[in-house]
Amino acid sequence: MLQQTQVSRVLEYWPRFLEQFPALPALASAPPASVREAWDGLGYYRRAANLQALARTVVSNGGVLPDDPAQLRRLPGVGRYTAGAVASFAFERRTAAVDTNVARVLRRAFHPRRANEATLWATAEALLPRRGRDAWTFNQAIMELGALVCTARVRRCEVCPVRAACATGRKVTSDK
């Protein structure tokens, strides 16, 4: 639900969706119309269909969601970011999760003159702590940094906790 949708919007949908489909088997066996109805109002309805297809695939393969990012990417609707986020946040695997917010932070901190997707993912992987639990914390922190401090519209370098290590933050501080 959080793919391309703000948390504040998802908060009203998630509890109802989870009540109706409390586990993958319930989602897998539901009529597609009921899944779409539960999703109604969130937009990007292909995500609901992909989520149900994912549930059906997982249930038909034993009912256990894989913890490996490469295996997760084989599931319907799961791209690189989602695979990394699920592996990191659900299973505490050491893997990067580069969403829009993380990409913005990495660009501003390490590649202010632009960086392609491969460079951003390589940077994220290089920064990851070695232990899975620490990688979980790092991924959560960098996402929050991009969502709350290093935002798309306003970068708040003056309150950024990493400004001394950030190429953009150092420049903004030296320009004052």
C-alpha atoms as a PDB file:
ATOM      1  CA  MET A   1       0.000   0.000   0.000  1.00  0.00           C
ATOM      2  CA  LEU A   2       2.873   2.345   0.669  1.00  0.00           C
ATOM      3  CA  GLN A   3       4.225   2.175  -2.877  1.00  0.00           C
ATOM      4  CA  GLN A   4       3.636   5.695  -4.202  1.00  0.00           C
ATOM      5  CA  THR A   5       1.172   6.489  -1.394  1.00  0.00           C
ATOM      6  CA  GLN A   6       1.834   8.526   1.731  1.00  0.00           C
ATOM      7  CA  VAL A   7       1.682   6.857   5.129  1.00  0.00           C
ATOM      8  CA  SER A   8      -1.045   9.234   6.328  1.00  0.00           C
ATOM      9  CA  ARG A   9      -3.323   8.040   3.527  1.00  0.00           C
ATOM     10  CA  VAL A  10      -2.589   4.339   4.091  1.00  0.00           C
ATOM     11  CA  LEU A  11      -3.267   4.532   7.841  1.00  0.00           C
ATOM     12  CA  GLU A  12      -7.036   4.546   7.334  1.00  0.00           C
ATOM     13  CA  TYR A  13      -6.970   1.623   4.860  1.00  0.00           C
ATOM     14  CA  TRP A  14      -4.473  -0.774   6.392  1.00  0.00           C
ATOM     15  CA  PRO A  15      -6.458  -1.878   9.491  1.00  0.00           C
ATOM     16  CA  ARG A  16      -9.600  -2.573   7.420  1.00  0.00           C
ATOM     17  CA  PHE A  17      -7.621  -4.420   4.752  1.00  0.00           C
ATOM     18  CA  LEU A  18      -5.837  -6.524   7.367  1.00  0.00           C
ATOM     19  CA  GLU A  19      -9.114  -7.313   9.131  1.00  0.00           C
ATOM     20  CA  GLN A  20     -10.594  -8.561   5.872  1.00  0.00           C
ATOM     21  CA  PHE A  21      -7.422 -10.389   4.764  1.00  0.00           C
ATOM     22  CA  PRO A  22      -5.509 -11.271   7.965  1.00  0.00           C
ATOM     23  CA  ALA A  23      -3.090 -13.686   6.273  1.00  0.00           C
ATOM     24  CA  LEU A  24      -1.841 -14.602   2.806  1.00  0.00           C
ATOM     25  CA  PRO A  25      -4.257 -17.562   2.399  1.00  0.00           C
ATOM     26  CA  ALA A  26      -7.256 -15.268   2.988  1.00  0.00           C
ATOM     27  CA  LEU A  27      -5.990 -12.812   0.398  1.00  0.00           C
ATOM     28  CA  ALA A  28      -5.094 -15.570  -2.051  1.00  0.00           C
ATOM     29  CA  SER A  29      -8.548 -17.161  -1.923  1.00  0.00           C
ATOM     30  CA  ALA A  30     -10.585 -13.940  -1.971  1.00  0.00           C
ATOM     31  CA  PRO A  31     -12.566 -12.920  -5.040  1.00  0.00           C
ATOM     32  CA  PRO A  32     -10.587 -10.256  -6.953  1.00  0.00           C
ATOM     33  CA  ALA A  33     -13.556  -7.888  -6.725  1.00  0.00           C
ATOM     34  CA  SER A  34     -13.421  -7.927  -2.919  1.00  0.00           C
ATOM     35  CA  VAL A  35      -9.701  -7.179  -2.952  1.00  0.00           C
ATOM     36  CA  ARG A  36     -10.271  -4.250  -5.300  1.00  0.00           C
ATOM     37  CA  GLU A  37     -13.154  -3.017  -3.162  1.00  0.00           C
ATOM     38  CA  ALA A  38     -10.975  -3.111  -0.029  1.00  0.00           C
ATOM     39  CA  TRP A  39      -8.324  -1.137  -1.938  1.00  0.00           C
ATOM     40  CA  ASP A  40     -10.835   1.356  -3.388  1.00  0.00           C
ATOM     41  CA  GLY A  41      -9.683   4.933  -2.906  1.00  0.00           C
ATOM     42  CA  LEU A  42      -5.946   4.242  -2.766  1.00  0.00           C
ATOM     43  CA  GLY A  43      -5.432   4.344  -6.523  1.00  0.00           C
ATOM     44  CA  TYR A  44      -2.900   2.360  -8.521  1.00  0.00           C
ATOM     45  CA  TYR A  45      -5.258  -0.625  -8.521  1.00  0.00           C
ATOM     46  CA  ARG A  46      -2.705  -2.802 -10.266  1.00  0.00           C
ATOM     47  CA  ARG A  47      -0.941  -2.947  -6.885  1.00  0.00           C
ATOM     48  CA  ALA A  48      -3.968  -4.700  -5.361  1.00  0.00           C
ATOM     49  CA  ALA A  49      -4.038  -7.228  -8.195  1.00  0.00           C
ATOM     50  CA  ASN A  50      -0.280  -7.779  -7.861  1.00  0.00           C
ATOM     51  CA  LEU A  51      -0.579  -8.238  -4.103  1.00  0.00           C
ATOM     52  CA  GLN A  52      -3.253 -10.875  -4.578  1.00  0.00           C
ATOM     53  CA  ALA A  53      -1.178 -12.592  -7.289  1.00  0.00           C
ATOM     54  CA  LEU A  54       1.780 -12.537  -4.894  1.00  0.00           C
ATOM     55  CA  ALA A  55      -0.355 -14.107  -2.143  1.00  0.00           C
ATOM     56  CA  ARG A  56      -1.517 -16.821  -4.521  1.00  0.00           C
ATOM     57  CA  THR A  57       2.050 -17.552  -5.627  1.00  0.00           C
ATOM     58  CA  VAL A  58       3.368 -17.741  -2.064  1.00  0.00           C
ATOM     59  CA  VAL A  59       0.457 -19.916  -0.869  1.00  0.00           C
ATOM     60  CA  SER A  60       0.858 -22.289  -3.813  1.00  0.00           C
ATOM     61  CA  ASN A  61       4.590 -22.612  -3.018  1.00  0.00           C
ATOM     62  CA  GLY A  62       4.168 -23.604   0.614  1.00  0.00           C
ATOM     63  CA  GLY A  63       2.880 -20.414   2.192  1.00  0.00           C
ATOM     64  CA  VAL A  64       6.191 -18.922   3.349  1.00  0.00           C
ATOM     65  CA  LEU A  65       7.273 -15.524   2.091  1.00  0.00           C
ATOM     66  CA  PRO A  66      10.951 -15.719   1.097  1.00  0.00           C
ATOM     67  CA  ASP A  67      13.453 -13.586   2.998  1.00  0.00           C
ATOM     68  CA  ASP A  68      15.968 -13.348   0.152  1.00  0.00           C
ATOM     69  CA  PRO A  69      15.709 -10.186  -1.999  1.00  0.00           C
ATOM     70  CA  ALA A  70      16.411 -12.111  -5.230  1.00  0.00           C
ATOM     71  CA  GLN A  71      13.604 -14.564  -4.475  1.00  0.00           C
ATOM     72  CA  LEU A  72      11.261 -11.753  -3.465  1.00  0.00           C
ATOM     73  CA  ARG A  73      11.862 -10.026  -6.810  1.00  0.00           C
ATOM     74  CA  ARG A  74      10.466 -13.072  -8.603  1.00  0.00           C
ATOM     75  CA  LEU A  75       7.066 -12.449  -7.004  1.00  0.00           C
ATOM     76  CA  PRO A  76       4.370 -10.461  -8.855  1.00  0.00           C
ATOM     77  CA  GLY A  77       4.651  -6.707  -8.361  1.00  0.00           C
ATOM     78  CA  VAL A  78       7.904  -6.821  -6.387  1.00  0.00           C
ATOM     79  CA  GLY A  79      10.695  -4.622  -7.672  1.00  0.00           C
ATOM     80  CA  ARG A  80      14.124  -3.907  -6.305  1.00  0.00           C
ATOM     81  CA  TYR A  81      13.021  -1.414  -3.656  1.00  0.00           C
ATOM     82  CA  THR A  82      10.129  -3.521  -2.352  1.00  0.00           C
ATOM     83  CA  ALA A  83      12.315  -6.643  -2.217  1.00  0.00           C
ATOM     84  CA  GLY A  84      14.962  -4.737  -0.259  1.00  0.00           C
ATOM     85  CA  ALA A  85      12.437  -3.161   2.096  1.00  0.00           C
ATOM     86  CA  VAL A  86      10.689  -6.460   2.859  1.00  0.00           C
ATOM     87  CA  ALA A  87      13.970  -8.337   3.312  1.00  0.00           C
ATOM     88  CA  SER A  88      15.365  -5.598   5.563  1.00  0.00           C
ATOM     89  CA  PHE A  89      12.313  -4.626   7.614  1.00  0.00           C
ATOM     90  CA  ALA A  90      10.552  -7.972   7.900  1.00  0.00           C
ATOM     91  CA  PHE A  91      13.559 -10.292   8.049  1.00  0.00           C
ATOM     92  CA  GLU A  92      16.427  -8.023   9.152  1.00  0.00           C
ATOM     93  CA  ARG A  93      18.498  -8.994   6.132  1.00  0.00           C
ATOM     94  CA  ARG A  94      21.492  -6.844   5.224  1.00  0.00           C
ATOM     95  CA  THR A  95      20.208  -5.268   2.022  1.00  0.00           C
ATOM     96  CA  ALA A  96      19.617  -1.776   0.707  1.00  0.00           C
ATOM     97  CA  ALA A  97      16.175  -0.288   0.217  1.00  0.00           C
ATOM     98  CA  VAL A  98      16.402   2.778  -2.017  1.00  0.00           C
ATOM     99  CA  ASP A  99      13.097   4.617  -2.310  1.00  0.00           C
ATOM    100  CA  THR A 100      12.577   8.204  -3.507  1.00  0.00           C
ATOM    101  CA  ASN A 101      13.530   9.678  -0.131  1.00  0.00           C
ATOM    102  CA  VAL A 102      16.691   7.598   0.180  1.00  0.00           C
ATOM    103  CA  ALA A 103      17.718   8.422  -3.395  1.00  0.00           C
ATOM    104  CA  ARG A 104      17.334  12.137  -2.636  1.00  0.00           C
ATOM    105  CA  VAL A 105      19.490  11.905   0.505  1.00  0.00           C
ATOM    106  CA  LEU A 106      22.189   9.920  -1.310  1.00  0.00           C
ATOM    107  CA  ARG A 107      22.235  12.371  -4.226  1.00  0.00           C
ATOM    108  CA  ARG A 108      22.520  15.406  -1.990  1.00  0.00           C
ATOM    109  CA  ALA A 109      25.042  13.842   0.395  1.00  0.00           C
ATOM    110  CA  PHE A 110      27.341  12.001  -2.012  1.00  0.00           C
ATOM    111  CA  HIS A 111      26.453  12.816  -5.617  1.00  0.00           C
ATOM    112  CA  PRO A 112      25.182  16.420  -5.803  1.00  0.00           C
ATOM    113  CA  ARG A 113      25.866  16.667  -9.524  1.00  0.00           C
ATOM    114  CA  ARG A 114      23.459  13.787 -10.259  1.00  0.00           C
ATOM    115  CA  ALA A 115      23.814  10.070 -10.068  1.00  0.00           C
ATOM    116  CA  ASN A 116      22.140   7.274 -11.937  1.00  0.00           C
ATOM    117  CA  GLU A 117      20.172   4.503 -10.253  1.00  0.00           C
ATOM    118  CA  ALA A 118      23.076   2.044 -10.295  1.00  0.00           C
ATOM    119  CA  THR A 119      25.335   4.552  -8.528  1.00  0.00           C
ATOM    120  CA  LEU A 120      22.700   5.248  -5.866  1.00  0.00           C
ATOM    121  CA  TRP A 121      22.150   1.542  -5.161  1.00  0.00           C
ATOM    122  CA  ALA A 122      25.907   0.935  -5.006  1.00  0.00           C
ATOM    123  CA  THR A 123      26.282   3.835  -2.567  1.00  0.00           C
ATOM    124  CA  ALA A 124      23.431   2.516  -0.400  1.00  0.00           C
ATOM    125  CA  GLU A 125      24.992  -0.962  -0.342  1.00  0.00           C
ATOM    126  CA  ALA A 126      28.408   0.466   0.570  1.00  0.00           C
ATOM    127  CA  LEU A 127      26.950   2.414   3.493  1.00  0.00           C
ATOM    128  CA  LEU A 128      25.044  -0.524   4.996  1.00  0.00           C
ATOM    129  CA  PRO A 129      26.253  -1.781   8.352  1.00  0.00           C
ATOM    130  CA  ARG A 130      27.342  -5.427   8.369  1.00  0.00           C
ATOM    131  CA  ARG A 131      24.693  -6.833  10.718  1.00  0.00           C
ATOM    132  CA  GLY A 132      21.121  -7.227   9.515  1.00  0.00           C
ATOM    133  CA  ARG A 133      19.588  -5.538  12.566  1.00  0.00           C
ATOM    134  CA  ASP A 134      21.909  -2.555  12.132  1.00  0.00           C
ATOM    135  CA  ALA A 135      21.059  -2.431   8.419  1.00  0.00           C
ATOM    136  CA  TRP A 136      17.378  -2.354   9.419  1.00  0.00           C
ATOM    137  CA  THR A 137      18.071   0.667  11.622  1.00  0.00           C
ATOM    138  CA  PHE A 138      20.159   2.362   8.929  1.00  0.00           C
ATOM    139  CA  ASN A 139      17.478   1.871   6.246  1.00  0.00           C
ATOM    140  CA  GLN A 140      14.778   3.200   8.551  1.00  0.00           C
ATOM    141  CA  ALA A 141      16.912   6.193   9.557  1.00  0.00           C
ATOM    142  CA  ILE A 142      17.859   7.233   6.029  1.00  0.00           C
ATOM    143  CA  MET A 143      14.226   6.948   4.899  1.00  0.00           C
ATOM    144  CA  GLU A 144      13.131   9.119   7.816  1.00  0.00           C
ATOM    145  CA  LEU A 145      15.907  11.609   7.093  1.00  0.00           C
ATOM    146  CA  GLY A 146      14.611  11.977   3.535  1.00  0.00           C
ATOM    147  CA  ALA A 147      10.977  12.167   4.620  1.00  0.00           C
ATOM    148  CA  LEU A 148      11.403  14.657   7.459  1.00  0.00           C
ATOM    149  CA  VAL A 149      14.622  16.674   7.020  1.00  0.00           C
ATOM    150  CA  CYS A 150      16.005  16.343   3.504  1.00  0.00           C
ATOM    151  CA  THR A 151      12.644  16.754   1.799  1.00  0.00           C
ATOM    152  CA  ALA A 152      11.948  17.280  -1.869  1.00  0.00           C
ATOM    153  CA  ARG A 153      10.617  20.799  -1.481  1.00  0.00           C
ATOM    154  CA  VAL A 154      12.768  22.055   1.384  1.00  0.00           C
ATOM    155  CA  ARG A 155      16.124  20.789   2.503  1.00  0.00           C
ATOM    156  CA  ARG A 156      16.646  21.665   6.138  1.00  0.00           C
ATOM    157  CA  CYS A 157      20.432  21.445   6.271  1.00  0.00           C
ATOM    158  CA  GLU A 158      20.619  23.636   9.380  1.00  0.00           C
ATOM    159  CA  VAL A 159      18.951  20.896  11.467  1.00  0.00           C
ATOM    160  CA  CYS A 160      20.327  17.877   9.623  1.00  0.00           C
ATOM    161  CA  PRO A 161      22.263  15.504  11.865  1.00  0.00           C
ATOM    162  CA  VAL A 162      24.591  14.478   9.020  1.00  0.00           C
ATOM    163  CA  ARG A 163      25.224  17.866   7.412  1.00  0.00           C
ATOM    164  CA  ALA A 164      28.957  17.776   8.258  1.00  0.00           C
ATOM    165  CA  ALA A 165      29.336  14.607   6.160  1.00  0.00           C
ATOM    166  CA  CYS A 166      27.003  15.791   3.390  1.00  0.00           C
ATOM    167  CA  ALA A 167      28.298  17.514   0.255  1.00  0.00           C
ATOM    168  CA  THR A 168      25.166  19.680  -0.030  1.00  0.00           C
ATOM    169  CA  GLY A 169      25.028  20.379   3.718  1.00  0.00           C
ATOM    170  CA  ARG A 170      28.664  21.498   3.812  1.00  0.00           C
ATOM    171  CA  LYS A 171      28.092  23.790   0.815  1.00  0.00           C
ATOM    172  CA  VAL A 172      24.963  25.362   2.302  1.00  0.00           C
ATOM    173  CA  THR A 173      26.738  25.894   5.632  1.00  0.00           C
ATOM    174  CA  SER A 174      29.811  27.479   3.951  1.00  0.00           C
ATOM    175  CA  ASP A 175      27.593  29.765   1.789  1.00  0.00           C
ATOM    176  CA  LYS A 176      26.174  31.453   4.898  1.00  0.00           C
END
